Amino acid sequence: MSIDVGGRLRYLRLRCQISQRELAKRAKVTNATISLIESNQMNPSVGALKRILDGIPIGLAEFFALEPEKEGKIFFQSDELVEIGKGKISYRQIGEHHFGRSLQILKECYLPGSDTGKVPLTHEGEEGGIVLSGRLEVTVDDERKVLGPGDAYYFDSRRPHRFRCVGAVACEVISACTPPTF
């Protein structure tokens, strides 16, 4: 049986209302380290995990004994979506957490000129989305396309990818990824 250390850490951090940046600062590790662990792209040593958990604070035994409740809620009002983004990109997630789940659905809003960064994203799984409004430039490997309302994308998330809002108006997207990566 494998333990979802990343999902467990993300669940606990969100439950304690601590940002990735704040936890990284408390644990004296980089923000990227917390992100990589939470997306299960990095498996921390026991010592590193203990330092990170000290920033919450919670002990190793309590962390591994933690059994997050599965969210039983089925329907969500617009104001119940959980904001998990910062800055010029808003990511509003359906549901409080995704511990033990295999799908994450987001309503994304990119302000004009915003992007996911110069360094392409990569993670396990697949993702797809439909542009609701505005124009979104999607780059996957060396393929690039500007999508407008009604256009969609779907790809293997292990391929390097990047998103950027082009044009003078905000871009809204409904997206899904498996497994959850935030």
N, C-alpha and C. Protein backbone atom coordinates (compact mmCIF):
# COMPACT_ATOMS: atom_id res chain seq x y z
N MET A 1 0.85 -1.18 0.00
CA MET A 1 0.00 0.00 0.00
C MET A 1 0.89 1.24 0.00
N SER A 2 0.65 2.15 -0.93
CA SER A 2 1.43 3.39 -0.96
C SER A 2 0.63 4.51 -0.30
N ILE A 3 1.37 5.40 0.33
CA ILE A 3 0.74 6.53 1.02
C ILE A 3 0.93 7.78 0.17
N ASP A 4 -0.13 8.52 -0.03
CA ASP A 4 -0.10 9.75 -0.81
C ASP A 4 0.43 10.88 0.09
N VAL A 5 1.75 10.95 0.23
CA VAL A 5 2.37 11.94 1.10
C VAL A 5 2.04 13.36 0.61
N GLY A 6 2.12 13.57 -0.70
CA GLY A 6 1.86 14.90 -1.25
C GLY A 6 0.43 15.35 -1.00
N GLY A 7 -0.53 14.47 -1.27
CA GLY A 7 -1.94 14.80 -1.04
C GLY A 7 -2.23 15.04 0.43
N ARG A 8 -1.61 14.24 1.27
CA ARG A 8 -1.79 14.38 2.72
C ARG A 8 -1.22 15.72 3.19
N LEU A 9 -0.02 16.08 2.68
CA LEU A 9 0.59 17.36 3.08
C LEU A 9 -0.26 18.53 2.60
N ARG A 10 -0.73 18.47 1.35
CA ARG A 10 -1.57 19.54 0.80
C ARG A 10 -2.85 19.69 1.62
N TYR A 11 -3.50 18.56 1.93
CA TYR A 11 -4.73 18.58 2.73
C TYR A 11 -4.48 19.25 4.08
N LEU A 12 -3.41 18.84 4.74
CA LEU A 12 -3.10 19.38 6.07
C LEU A 12 -2.76 20.87 5.99
N ARG A 13 -1.96 21.25 5.00
CA ARG A 13 -1.57 22.67 4.86
C ARG A 13 -2.79 23.54 4.61
N LEU A 14 -3.68 23.10 3.72
CA LEU A 14 -4.89 23.88 3.44
C LEU A 14 -5.82 23.93 4.65
N ARG A 15 -5.92 22.82 5.36
CA ARG A 15 -6.76 22.78 6.56
C ARG A 15 -6.27 23.77 7.60
N CYS A 16 -4.94 23.94 7.66
CA CYS A 16 -4.35 24.89 8.62
C CYS A 16 -4.26 26.30 8.04
N GLN A 17 -4.74 26.49 6.83
CA GLN A 17 -4.75 27.79 6.15
C GLN A 17 -3.35 28.40 6.05
N ILE A 18 -2.40 27.57 5.59
CA ILE A 18 -1.02 28.01 5.39
C ILE A 18 -0.72 27.92 3.89
N SER A 19 -0.16 28.97 3.32
CA SER A 19 0.21 28.94 1.90
C SER A 19 1.46 28.09 1.72
N GLN A 20 1.70 27.65 0.48
CA GLN A 20 2.93 26.91 0.19
C GLN A 20 4.14 27.77 0.53
N ARG A 21 4.07 29.04 0.16
CA ARG A 21 5.19 29.96 0.42
C ARG A 21 5.47 30.08 1.92
N GLU A 22 4.42 30.22 2.72
CA GLU A 22 4.59 30.36 4.17
C GLU A 22 5.17 29.08 4.77
N LEU A 23 4.68 27.92 4.35
CA LEU A 23 5.20 26.66 4.87
C LEU A 23 6.67 26.50 4.49
N ALA A 24 7.02 26.85 3.26
CA ALA A 24 8.41 26.76 2.81
C ALA A 24 9.31 27.65 3.67
N LYS A 25 8.82 28.85 3.97
CA LYS A 25 9.59 29.79 4.81
C LYS A 25 9.78 29.22 6.21
N ARG A 26 8.72 28.68 6.78
CA ARG A 26 8.81 28.10 8.13
C ARG A 26 9.75 26.90 8.18
N ALA A 27 9.74 26.09 7.11
CA ALA A 27 10.55 24.86 7.09
C ALA A 27 11.95 25.10 6.53
N LYS A 28 12.20 26.34 6.07
CA LYS A 28 13.50 26.69 5.49
C LYS A 28 13.85 25.82 4.28
N VAL A 29 12.83 25.65 3.41
CA VAL A 29 13.02 24.98 2.12
C VAL A 29 12.46 25.90 1.05
N THR A 30 12.69 25.56 -0.21
CA THR A 30 12.17 26.41 -1.28
C THR A 30 10.68 26.15 -1.48
N ASN A 31 10.00 27.15 -2.04
CA ASN A 31 8.59 27.02 -2.38
C ASN A 31 8.41 25.87 -3.38
N ALA A 32 9.38 25.73 -4.30
CA ALA A 32 9.32 24.65 -5.30
C ALA A 32 9.35 23.28 -4.63
N THR A 33 10.09 23.15 -3.54
CA THR A 33 10.15 21.86 -2.83
C THR A 33 8.78 21.47 -2.32
N ILE A 34 8.07 22.41 -1.69
CA ILE A 34 6.72 22.11 -1.19
C ILE A 34 5.81 21.74 -2.36
N SER A 35 5.88 22.50 -3.44
CA SER A 35 5.05 22.24 -4.62
C SER A 35 5.34 20.86 -5.21
N LEU A 36 6.62 20.50 -5.33
CA LEU A 36 6.99 19.19 -5.88
C LEU A 36 6.52 18.05 -4.99
N ILE A 37 6.62 18.22 -3.69
CA ILE A 37 6.16 17.17 -2.76
C ILE A 37 4.65 17.03 -2.87
N GLU A 38 3.93 18.16 -2.85
CA GLU A 38 2.47 18.10 -2.89
C GLU A 38 1.94 17.51 -4.20
N SER A 39 2.68 17.66 -5.29
CA SER A 39 2.26 17.09 -6.56
C SER A 39 2.85 15.70 -6.78
N ASN A 40 3.47 15.16 -5.73
CA ASN A 40 4.07 13.82 -5.75
C ASN A 40 5.14 13.66 -6.82
N GLN A 41 5.81 14.76 -7.15
CA GLN A 41 6.95 14.69 -8.07
C GLN A 41 8.25 14.53 -7.31
N MET A 42 8.21 14.70 -5.99
CA MET A 42 9.39 14.53 -5.14
C MET A 42 8.95 13.78 -3.89
N ASN A 43 9.72 12.79 -3.52
CA ASN A 43 9.44 12.04 -2.30
C ASN A 43 10.46 12.47 -1.25
N PRO A 44 10.03 13.20 -0.22
CA PRO A 44 11.00 13.73 0.74
C PRO A 44 11.57 12.63 1.65
N SER A 45 12.79 12.85 2.11
CA SER A 45 13.36 11.96 3.13
C SER A 45 12.56 12.16 4.41
N VAL A 46 12.70 11.24 5.34
CA VAL A 46 11.99 11.36 6.62
C VAL A 46 12.43 12.63 7.34
N GLY A 47 13.72 12.95 7.29
CA GLY A 47 14.22 14.16 7.94
C GLY A 47 13.64 15.43 7.33
N ALA A 48 13.59 15.46 5.98
CA ALA A 48 13.04 16.63 5.30
C ALA A 48 11.55 16.78 5.61
N LEU A 49 10.82 15.65 5.60
CA LEU A 49 9.39 15.70 5.92
C LEU A 49 9.17 16.19 7.35
N LYS A 50 10.01 15.73 8.28
CA LYS A 50 9.87 16.17 9.67
C LYS A 50 10.07 17.68 9.79
N ARG A 51 11.09 18.24 9.09
CA ARG A 51 11.31 19.69 9.12
C ARG A 51 10.11 20.44 8.56
N ILE A 52 9.53 19.92 7.49
CA ILE A 52 8.36 20.56 6.88
C ILE A 52 7.18 20.50 7.84
N LEU A 53 6.96 19.33 8.44
CA LEU A 53 5.83 19.16 9.37
C LEU A 53 6.00 20.01 10.62
N ASP A 54 7.25 20.27 11.03
CA ASP A 54 7.50 21.15 12.17
C ASP A 54 6.99 22.56 11.88
N GLY A 55 6.91 22.93 10.60
CA GLY A 55 6.40 24.25 10.21
C GLY A 55 4.89 24.37 10.32
N ILE A 56 4.18 23.25 10.55
CA ILE A 56 2.71 23.32 10.59
C ILE A 56 2.19 23.64 11.99
N PRO A 57 2.55 23.12 13.10
CA PRO A 57 3.36 21.97 13.45
C PRO A 57 2.50 20.72 13.68
N ILE A 58 3.07 19.58 13.28
CA ILE A 58 2.45 18.28 13.52
C ILE A 58 3.58 17.25 13.49
N GLY A 59 3.47 16.22 14.31
CA GLY A 59 4.49 15.18 14.36
C GLY A 59 4.32 14.17 13.23
N LEU A 60 5.37 13.41 12.97
CA LEU A 60 5.33 12.39 11.92
C LEU A 60 4.24 11.35 12.17
N ALA A 61 4.15 10.86 13.40
CA ALA A 61 3.16 9.82 13.71
C ALA A 61 1.74 10.33 13.46
N GLU A 62 1.47 11.55 13.91
CA GLU A 62 0.14 12.13 13.72
C GLU A 62 -0.14 12.36 12.23
N PHE A 63 0.89 12.78 11.49
CA PHE A 63 0.75 13.01 10.05
C PHE A 63 0.34 11.73 9.33
N PHE A 64 1.03 10.61 9.64
CA PHE A 64 0.72 9.36 8.95
C PHE A 64 -0.56 8.70 9.47
N ALA A 65 -0.98 9.06 10.68
CA ALA A 65 -2.23 8.52 11.22
C ALA A 65 -3.44 9.30 10.73
N LEU A 66 -3.19 10.50 10.19
CA LEU A 66 -4.26 11.38 9.72
C LEU A 66 -5.10 10.68 8.66
N GLU A 67 -6.38 10.65 8.88
CA GLU A 67 -7.32 10.09 7.89
C GLU A 67 -8.30 11.19 7.52
N PRO A 68 -7.97 11.95 6.48
CA PRO A 68 -8.87 13.03 6.07
C PRO A 68 -10.24 12.49 5.70
N GLU A 69 -11.25 13.25 6.08
CA GLU A 69 -12.61 12.85 5.72
C GLU A 69 -12.80 13.10 4.24
N LYS A 70 -13.46 12.16 3.60
CA LYS A 70 -13.77 12.36 2.19
C LYS A 70 -14.91 13.37 2.12
N GLU A 71 -14.79 14.26 1.18
CA GLU A 71 -15.82 15.28 1.02
C GLU A 71 -17.06 14.62 0.43
N GLY A 72 -18.18 14.71 1.12
CA GLY A 72 -19.40 14.08 0.65
C GLY A 72 -20.30 15.02 -0.12
N LYS A 73 -19.91 16.27 -0.17
CA LYS A 73 -20.74 17.26 -0.84
C LYS A 73 -20.76 17.00 -2.35
N ILE A 74 -21.92 17.16 -2.96
CA ILE A 74 -22.09 16.90 -4.38
C ILE A 74 -22.26 18.19 -5.17
N PHE A 75 -23.01 19.13 -4.64
CA PHE A 75 -23.33 20.37 -5.36
C PHE A 75 -22.65 21.55 -4.70
N PHE A 76 -22.19 22.51 -5.51
CA PHE A 76 -21.45 23.66 -5.00
C PHE A 76 -21.97 24.94 -5.65
N GLN A 77 -22.28 25.93 -4.83
CA GLN A 77 -22.65 27.25 -5.33
C GLN A 77 -21.38 27.96 -5.78
N SER A 78 -21.53 28.94 -6.63
CA SER A 78 -20.38 29.68 -7.15
C SER A 78 -19.49 30.22 -6.03
N ASP A 79 -20.09 30.75 -4.98
CA ASP A 79 -19.30 31.34 -3.89
C ASP A 79 -18.67 30.28 -2.98
N GLU A 80 -18.92 29.00 -3.23
CA GLU A 80 -18.32 27.93 -2.44
C GLU A 80 -17.06 27.36 -3.09
N LEU A 81 -16.74 27.80 -4.31
CA LEU A 81 -15.51 27.35 -4.94
C LEU A 81 -14.33 27.90 -4.14
N VAL A 82 -13.30 27.11 -3.95
CA VAL A 82 -12.17 27.47 -3.09
C VAL A 82 -11.05 28.07 -3.93
N GLU A 83 -10.66 29.31 -3.61
CA GLU A 83 -9.57 29.97 -4.32
C GLU A 83 -8.25 29.36 -3.88
N ILE A 84 -7.49 28.82 -4.84
CA ILE A 84 -6.19 28.25 -4.51
C ILE A 84 -5.07 28.94 -5.28
N GLY A 85 -5.39 30.00 -6.02
CA GLY A 85 -4.38 30.74 -6.78
C GLY A 85 -3.95 32.01 -6.07
N LYS A 86 -2.94 32.61 -6.63
CA LYS A 86 -2.44 33.88 -6.10
C LYS A 86 -2.06 34.76 -7.28
N GLY A 87 -2.14 36.05 -7.12
CA GLY A 87 -1.66 36.96 -8.15
C GLY A 87 -2.63 37.14 -9.29
N LYS A 88 -2.08 37.15 -10.52
CA LYS A 88 -2.87 37.49 -11.70
C LYS A 88 -3.65 36.32 -12.27
N ILE A 89 -3.50 35.13 -11.68
CA ILE A 89 -4.26 33.97 -12.13
C ILE A 89 -5.08 33.44 -10.96
N SER A 90 -6.37 33.34 -11.15
CA SER A 90 -7.26 32.80 -10.12
C SER A 90 -7.58 31.36 -10.49
N TYR A 91 -7.42 30.46 -9.51
CA TYR A 91 -7.82 29.07 -9.67
C TYR A 91 -8.87 28.79 -8.61
N ARG A 92 -10.12 28.63 -9.02
CA ARG A 92 -11.20 28.34 -8.06
C ARG A 92 -11.55 26.87 -8.22
N GLN A 93 -11.33 26.12 -7.17
CA GLN A 93 -11.45 24.66 -7.16
C GLN A 93 -12.81 24.22 -6.64
N ILE A 94 -13.32 23.17 -7.25
CA ILE A 94 -14.55 22.55 -6.74
C ILE A 94 -14.14 21.65 -5.58
N GLY A 95 -14.65 21.93 -4.41
CA GLY A 95 -14.34 21.12 -3.22
C GLY A 95 -13.18 21.70 -2.43
N GLU A 96 -13.22 21.41 -1.16
CA GLU A 96 -12.23 21.93 -0.21
C GLU A 96 -10.85 21.30 -0.42
N HIS A 97 -10.80 20.01 -0.61
CA HIS A 97 -9.53 19.29 -0.77
C HIS A 97 -9.75 18.12 -1.72
N HIS A 98 -8.64 17.49 -2.11
CA HIS A 98 -8.75 16.38 -3.05
C HIS A 98 -8.03 15.14 -2.56
N PHE A 99 -7.82 15.07 -1.25
CA PHE A 99 -7.15 13.90 -0.69
C PHE A 99 -7.95 12.65 -1.04
N GLY A 100 -7.30 11.68 -1.66
CA GLY A 100 -7.96 10.43 -2.02
C GLY A 100 -8.80 10.51 -3.28
N ARG A 101 -8.83 11.64 -3.95
CA ARG A 101 -9.60 11.78 -5.19
C ARG A 101 -8.66 11.71 -6.39
N SER A 102 -9.23 11.41 -7.54
CA SER A 102 -8.39 11.30 -8.72
C SER A 102 -8.63 12.39 -9.75
N LEU A 103 -9.56 13.31 -9.50
CA LEU A 103 -9.88 14.36 -10.45
C LEU A 103 -9.97 15.71 -9.75
N GLN A 104 -9.44 16.73 -10.41
CA GLN A 104 -9.54 18.10 -9.91
C GLN A 104 -10.16 18.96 -11.00
N ILE A 105 -11.19 19.73 -10.65
CA ILE A 105 -11.85 20.62 -11.61
C ILE A 105 -11.67 22.06 -11.12
N LEU A 106 -11.25 22.94 -12.04
CA LEU A 106 -10.99 24.33 -11.69
C LEU A 106 -11.72 25.28 -12.62
N LYS A 107 -12.11 26.43 -12.08
CA LYS A 107 -12.52 27.56 -12.90
C LYS A 107 -11.35 28.53 -12.81
N GLU A 108 -10.70 28.74 -13.94
CA GLU A 108 -9.50 29.58 -13.98
C GLU A 108 -9.81 30.93 -14.61
N CYS A 109 -9.19 31.97 -14.09
CA CYS A 109 -9.33 33.30 -14.67
C CYS A 109 -7.93 33.93 -14.77
N TYR A 110 -7.53 34.22 -16.00
CA TYR A 110 -6.23 34.83 -16.28
C TYR A 110 -6.45 36.30 -16.61
N LEU A 111 -5.82 37.20 -15.87
CA LEU A 111 -5.88 38.62 -16.19
C LEU A 111 -5.06 38.88 -17.45
N PRO A 112 -5.36 39.94 -18.21
CA PRO A 112 -4.61 40.21 -19.44
C PRO A 112 -3.10 40.22 -19.19
N GLY A 113 -2.38 39.48 -20.04
CA GLY A 113 -0.92 39.42 -19.94
C GLY A 113 -0.39 38.41 -18.94
N SER A 114 -1.25 37.80 -18.12
CA SER A 114 -0.75 36.86 -17.12
C SER A 114 -0.40 35.52 -17.77
N ASP A 115 0.54 34.82 -17.14
CA ASP A 115 0.90 33.49 -17.64
C ASP A 115 1.38 32.63 -16.48
N THR A 116 1.56 31.35 -16.76
CA THR A 116 1.96 30.41 -15.72
C THR A 116 3.47 30.41 -15.49
N GLY A 117 4.20 31.24 -16.20
CA GLY A 117 5.64 31.38 -15.99
C GLY A 117 6.45 30.95 -17.19
N LYS A 118 7.69 31.41 -17.23
CA LYS A 118 8.57 31.08 -18.35
C LYS A 118 9.01 29.62 -18.31
N VAL A 119 9.10 29.05 -17.12
CA VAL A 119 9.48 27.64 -16.99
C VAL A 119 8.23 26.80 -17.18
N PRO A 120 8.21 25.93 -18.19
CA PRO A 120 7.02 25.11 -18.45
C PRO A 120 6.69 24.20 -17.27
N LEU A 121 5.41 23.94 -17.10
CA LEU A 121 4.92 23.04 -16.06
C LEU A 121 4.99 21.60 -16.56
N THR A 122 5.24 20.66 -15.67
CA THR A 122 5.13 19.23 -15.99
C THR A 122 4.67 18.53 -14.72
N HIS A 123 3.83 17.54 -14.87
CA HIS A 123 3.38 16.72 -13.74
C HIS A 123 2.71 15.48 -14.29
N GLU A 124 2.51 14.50 -13.44
CA GLU A 124 1.86 13.26 -13.85
C GLU A 124 0.42 13.53 -14.24
N GLY A 125 -0.11 12.73 -15.14
CA GLY A 125 -1.53 12.77 -15.44
C GLY A 125 -1.88 13.41 -16.76
N GLU A 126 -3.14 13.79 -16.86
CA GLU A 126 -3.69 14.40 -18.05
C GLU A 126 -4.46 15.65 -17.62
N GLU A 127 -4.59 16.58 -18.56
CA GLU A 127 -5.42 17.74 -18.27
C GLU A 127 -6.10 18.23 -19.53
N GLY A 128 -7.21 18.88 -19.33
CA GLY A 128 -7.96 19.42 -20.45
C GLY A 128 -8.77 20.60 -19.96
N GLY A 129 -9.23 21.39 -20.91
CA GLY A 129 -10.04 22.55 -20.54
C GLY A 129 -10.77 23.13 -21.72
N ILE A 130 -11.74 23.98 -21.43
CA ILE A 130 -12.53 24.68 -22.44
C ILE A 130 -12.49 26.16 -22.11
N VAL A 131 -12.14 26.97 -23.10
CA VAL A 131 -12.10 28.42 -22.92
C VAL A 131 -13.53 28.95 -22.96
N LEU A 132 -13.92 29.69 -21.91
CA LEU A 132 -15.25 30.28 -21.85
C LEU A 132 -15.28 31.67 -22.45
N SER A 133 -14.22 32.45 -22.16
CA SER A 133 -14.15 33.83 -22.67
C SER A 133 -12.69 34.25 -22.77
N GLY A 134 -12.44 35.26 -23.58
CA GLY A 134 -11.08 35.74 -23.76
C GLY A 134 -10.29 34.84 -24.69
N ARG A 135 -8.97 35.05 -24.68
CA ARG A 135 -8.09 34.27 -25.56
C ARG A 135 -6.94 33.73 -24.73
N LEU A 136 -6.67 32.43 -24.86
CA LEU A 136 -5.63 31.76 -24.09
C LEU A 136 -4.64 31.11 -25.04
N GLU A 137 -3.37 31.48 -24.87
CA GLU A 137 -2.31 30.83 -25.64
C GLU A 137 -1.86 29.61 -24.85
N VAL A 138 -1.93 28.44 -25.47
CA VAL A 138 -1.52 27.20 -24.82
C VAL A 138 -0.31 26.67 -25.58
N THR A 139 0.77 26.41 -24.85
CA THR A 139 1.98 25.84 -25.44
C THR A 139 2.21 24.48 -24.80
N VAL A 140 2.34 23.45 -25.63
CA VAL A 140 2.65 22.10 -25.17
C VAL A 140 3.83 21.63 -26.02
N ASP A 141 4.97 21.35 -25.35
CA ASP A 141 6.23 21.08 -26.05
C ASP A 141 6.50 22.25 -26.99
N ASP A 142 6.62 21.99 -28.28
CA ASP A 142 6.89 23.09 -29.22
C ASP A 142 5.64 23.46 -30.03
N GLU A 143 4.48 22.96 -29.61
CA GLU A 143 3.22 23.32 -30.28
C GLU A 143 2.57 24.48 -29.50
N ARG A 144 2.11 25.48 -30.25
CA ARG A 144 1.49 26.65 -29.63
C ARG A 144 0.23 27.00 -30.40
N LYS A 145 -0.83 27.32 -29.66
CA LYS A 145 -2.10 27.68 -30.31
C LYS A 145 -2.82 28.68 -29.42
N VAL A 146 -3.43 29.69 -30.04
CA VAL A 146 -4.27 30.65 -29.31
C VAL A 146 -5.70 30.15 -29.44
N LEU A 147 -6.34 29.94 -28.28
CA LEU A 147 -7.70 29.43 -28.23
C LEU A 147 -8.67 30.53 -27.81
N GLY A 148 -9.86 30.51 -28.38
CA GLY A 148 -10.90 31.47 -28.03
C GLY A 148 -12.10 30.75 -27.45
N PRO A 149 -13.17 31.49 -27.16
CA PRO A 149 -14.37 30.90 -26.56
C PRO A 149 -14.86 29.66 -27.31
N GLY A 150 -15.07 28.59 -26.56
CA GLY A 150 -15.54 27.33 -27.13
C GLY A 150 -14.43 26.40 -27.55
N ASP A 151 -13.20 26.92 -27.72
CA ASP A 151 -12.07 26.07 -28.08
C ASP A 151 -11.61 25.30 -26.85
N ALA A 152 -10.90 24.19 -27.09
CA ALA A 152 -10.51 23.33 -25.97
C ALA A 152 -9.11 22.76 -26.18
N TYR A 153 -8.55 22.22 -25.09
CA TYR A 153 -7.26 21.53 -25.14
C TYR A 153 -7.35 20.27 -24.28
N TYR A 154 -6.48 19.31 -24.59
CA TYR A 154 -6.40 18.07 -23.82
C TYR A 154 -5.04 17.44 -24.12
N PHE A 155 -4.25 17.13 -23.09
CA PHE A 155 -2.91 16.58 -23.33
C PHE A 155 -2.40 15.83 -22.11
N ASP A 156 -1.34 15.07 -22.33
CA ASP A 156 -0.61 14.35 -21.28
C ASP A 156 0.21 15.39 -20.53
N SER A 157 -0.02 15.56 -19.24
CA SER A 157 0.62 16.62 -18.45
C SER A 157 2.11 16.42 -18.22
N ARG A 158 2.63 15.25 -18.60
CA ARG A 158 4.07 15.05 -18.49
C ARG A 158 4.81 15.84 -19.57
N ARG A 159 4.08 16.27 -20.59
CA ARG A 159 4.68 17.12 -21.62
C ARG A 159 4.78 18.55 -21.08
N PRO A 160 5.93 19.22 -21.25
CA PRO A 160 6.07 20.60 -20.76
C PRO A 160 4.99 21.50 -21.36
N HIS A 161 4.35 22.29 -20.50
CA HIS A 161 3.25 23.13 -20.97
C HIS A 161 3.21 24.47 -20.23
N ARG A 162 2.53 25.42 -20.88
CA ARG A 162 2.44 26.78 -20.35
C ARG A 162 1.15 27.41 -20.86
N PHE A 163 0.54 28.29 -20.06
CA PHE A 163 -0.68 29.00 -20.44
C PHE A 163 -0.44 30.50 -20.31
N ARG A 164 -1.00 31.28 -21.26
CA ARG A 164 -0.83 32.73 -21.22
C ARG A 164 -2.07 33.40 -21.80
N CYS A 165 -2.57 34.41 -21.08
CA CYS A 165 -3.71 35.19 -21.56
C CYS A 165 -3.20 36.21 -22.57
N VAL A 166 -3.77 36.17 -23.77
CA VAL A 166 -3.40 37.14 -24.80
C VAL A 166 -4.62 38.01 -25.09
N GLY A 167 -4.38 39.27 -25.39
CA GLY A 167 -5.49 40.18 -25.64
C GLY A 167 -5.72 41.09 -24.46
N ALA A 168 -6.70 41.97 -24.62
CA ALA A 168 -6.95 43.03 -23.64
C ALA A 168 -8.00 42.66 -22.60
N VAL A 169 -8.61 41.47 -22.69
CA VAL A 169 -9.63 41.07 -21.72
C VAL A 169 -9.20 39.80 -21.00
N ALA A 170 -9.74 39.62 -19.81
CA ALA A 170 -9.43 38.42 -19.02
C ALA A 170 -9.93 37.17 -19.75
N CYS A 171 -9.29 36.07 -19.47
CA CYS A 171 -9.65 34.79 -20.09
C CYS A 171 -10.15 33.85 -18.99
N GLU A 172 -11.32 33.25 -19.21
CA GLU A 172 -11.86 32.27 -18.26
C GLU A 172 -11.86 30.89 -18.90
N VAL A 173 -11.48 29.90 -18.09
CA VAL A 173 -11.34 28.52 -18.56
C VAL A 173 -11.92 27.60 -17.49
N ILE A 174 -12.59 26.55 -17.92
CA ILE A 174 -12.95 25.45 -17.02
C ILE A 174 -11.99 24.32 -17.37
N SER A 175 -11.26 23.83 -16.36
CA SER A 175 -10.25 22.80 -16.63
C SER A 175 -10.41 21.63 -15.67
N ALA A 176 -9.83 20.52 -16.06
CA ALA A 176 -9.80 19.34 -15.20
C ALA A 176 -8.45 18.68 -15.36
N CYS A 177 -7.94 18.12 -14.27
CA CYS A 177 -6.70 17.36 -14.36
C CYS A 177 -6.78 16.15 -13.44
N THR A 178 -6.08 15.14 -13.83
CA THR A 178 -6.02 13.93 -13.04
C THR A 178 -4.59 13.45 -13.04
N PRO A 179 -4.02 13.15 -11.90
CA PRO A 179 -4.57 13.37 -10.57
C PRO A 179 -4.50 14.86 -10.20
N PRO A 180 -5.17 15.25 -9.11
CA PRO A 180 -5.11 16.65 -8.68
C PRO A 180 -3.66 17.08 -8.48
N THR A 181 -3.32 18.28 -8.97
CA THR A 181 -1.93 18.73 -8.89
C THR A 181 -1.71 19.95 -8.02
N PHE A 182 -2.75 20.62 -7.55
CA PHE A 182 -2.57 21.80 -6.70
C PHE A 182 -2.66 21.40 -5.26
